[in-house]
C-alpha atoms as a PDB file:
ATOM      1  CA  MET A   1       0.000   0.000   0.000  1.00  0.00           C
ATOM      2  CA  TYR A   2       2.774   2.429   0.907  1.00  0.00           C
ATOM      3  CA  LYS A   3       4.626   1.544  -2.271  1.00  0.00           C
ATOM      4  CA  LEU A   4       1.573   2.516  -4.345  1.00  0.00           C
ATOM      5  CA  LEU A   5       1.161   5.813  -2.487  1.00  0.00           C
ATOM      6  CA  PHE A   6       4.854   6.564  -2.901  1.00  0.00           C
ATOM      7  CA  ILE A   7       4.698   5.927  -6.656  1.00  0.00           C
ATOM      8  CA  LEU A   8       1.594   8.128  -6.995  1.00  0.00           C
ATOM      9  CA  ALA A   9       3.185  10.940  -4.994  1.00  0.00           C
ATOM     10  CA  LEU A  10       6.357  10.674  -7.064  1.00  0.00           C
ATOM     11  CA  GLY A  11       4.342  10.811 -10.297  1.00  0.00           C
ATOM     12  CA  VAL A  12       2.432  13.880  -9.117  1.00  0.00           C
ATOM     13  CA  ALA A  13       5.657  15.636  -8.133  1.00  0.00           C
ATOM     14  CA  ILE A  14       7.320  14.890 -11.467  1.00  0.00           C
ATOM     15  CA  GLY A  15       4.207  15.908 -13.414  1.00  0.00           C
ATOM     16  CA  TYR A  16       3.873  19.147 -11.488  1.00  0.00           C
ATOM     17  CA  GLY A  17       7.533  19.983 -12.085  1.00  0.00           C
ATOM     18  CA  TYR A  18       7.205  19.258 -15.803  1.00  0.00           C
ATOM     19  CA  GLY A  19       4.047  21.330 -16.061  1.00  0.00           C
ATOM     20  CA  TRP A  20       5.621  24.248 -14.221  1.00  0.00           C
ATOM     21  CA  LYS A  21       8.684  24.332 -16.481  1.00  0.00           C
ATOM     22  CA  ASP A  22       6.510  23.939 -19.566  1.00  0.00           C
ATOM     23  CA  ALA A  23       4.260  26.809 -18.487  1.00  0.00           C
ATOM     24  CA  GLN A  24       7.277  29.066 -18.003  1.00  0.00           C
ATOM     25  CA  THR A  25       8.541  28.470 -21.543  1.00  0.00           C
ATOM     26  CA  HIS A  26       5.267  28.303 -23.553  1.00  0.00           C
ATOM     27  CA  ASP A  27       2.238  30.577 -23.787  1.00  0.00           C
ATOM     28  CA  LYS A  28      -0.208  27.746 -24.550  1.00  0.00           C
ATOM     29  CA  ASN A  29      -0.567  24.668 -22.391  1.00  0.00           C
ATOM     30  CA  VAL A  30       0.398  21.167 -23.508  1.00  0.00           C
ATOM     31  CA  ALA A  31      -3.118  20.089 -24.464  1.00  0.00           C
ATOM     32  CA  GLU A  32      -3.665  23.112 -26.734  1.00  0.00           C
ATOM     33  CA  ARG A  33      -0.357  22.519 -28.530  1.00  0.00           C
ATOM     34  CA  ILE A  34      -1.111  18.818 -29.055  1.00  0.00           C
ATOM     35  CA  VAL A  35      -4.576  19.576 -30.461  1.00  0.00           C
ATOM     36  CA  GLU A  36      -3.047  22.097 -32.870  1.00  0.00           C
ATOM     37  CA  GLN A  37      -0.514  19.523 -34.076  1.00  0.00           C
ATOM     38  CA  ILE A  38      -3.103  16.790 -34.518  1.00  0.00           C
ATOM     39  CA  GLY A  39      -5.694  19.017 -36.188  1.00  0.00           C
ATOM     40  CA  GLY A  40      -3.427  20.321 -38.909  1.00  0.00           C
ATOM     41  CA  ASP A  41      -5.112  21.397 -42.128  1.00  0.00           C
ATOM     42  CA  ASN A  42      -8.260  19.377 -41.458  1.00  0.00           C
ATOM     43  CA  ARG A  43      -9.308  21.701 -38.655  1.00  0.00           C
ATOM     44  CA  ALA A  44     -10.616  24.268 -41.147  1.00  0.00           C
ATOM     45  CA  LEU A  45     -12.910  21.655 -42.687  1.00  0.00           C
ATOM     46  CA  VAL A  46     -14.760  21.041 -39.418  1.00  0.00           C
ATOM     47  CA  SER A  47     -15.029  24.578 -38.102  1.00  0.00           C
ATOM     48  CA  GLY A  48     -18.280  25.799 -36.609  1.00  0.00           C
ATOM     49  CA  ASP A  49     -18.301  29.036 -38.613  1.00  0.00           C
ATOM     50  CA  VAL A  50     -21.218  28.498 -41.007  1.00  0.00           C
ATOM     51  CA  ASP A  51     -20.663  31.780 -42.859  1.00  0.00           C
ATOM     52  CA  ALA A  52     -17.044  30.892 -43.593  1.00  0.00           C
ATOM     53  CA  GLN A  53     -18.112  27.466 -44.843  1.00  0.00           C
ATOM     54  CA  MET A  54     -20.673  29.043 -47.171  1.00  0.00           C
ATOM     55  CA  ARG A  55     -18.094  31.497 -48.567  1.00  0.00           C
ATOM     56  CA  ALA A  56     -15.686  28.610 -49.156  1.00  0.00           C
ATOM     57  CA  ALA A  57     -18.402  26.609 -50.901  1.00  0.00           C
ATOM     58  CA  GLU A  58     -19.230  29.576 -53.164  1.00  0.00           C
ATOM     59  CA  LYS A  59     -15.580  29.874 -54.230  1.00  0.00           C
ATOM     60  CA  ARG A  60     -15.513  26.248 -55.439  1.00  0.00           C
END
């Protein structure tokens, strides 16, 4: 039981330290940067801006 608690506490401490250093060097948090990388060019195709979608459809 103590071993499990020790591992959890160690993981929290390491994660907090990583997050702190990351926040000092980047304006956006880790999750926002990952979503931007994954989304890529396809993000524009699934936007919620209906007017922009209609303008794009008219240009085609």
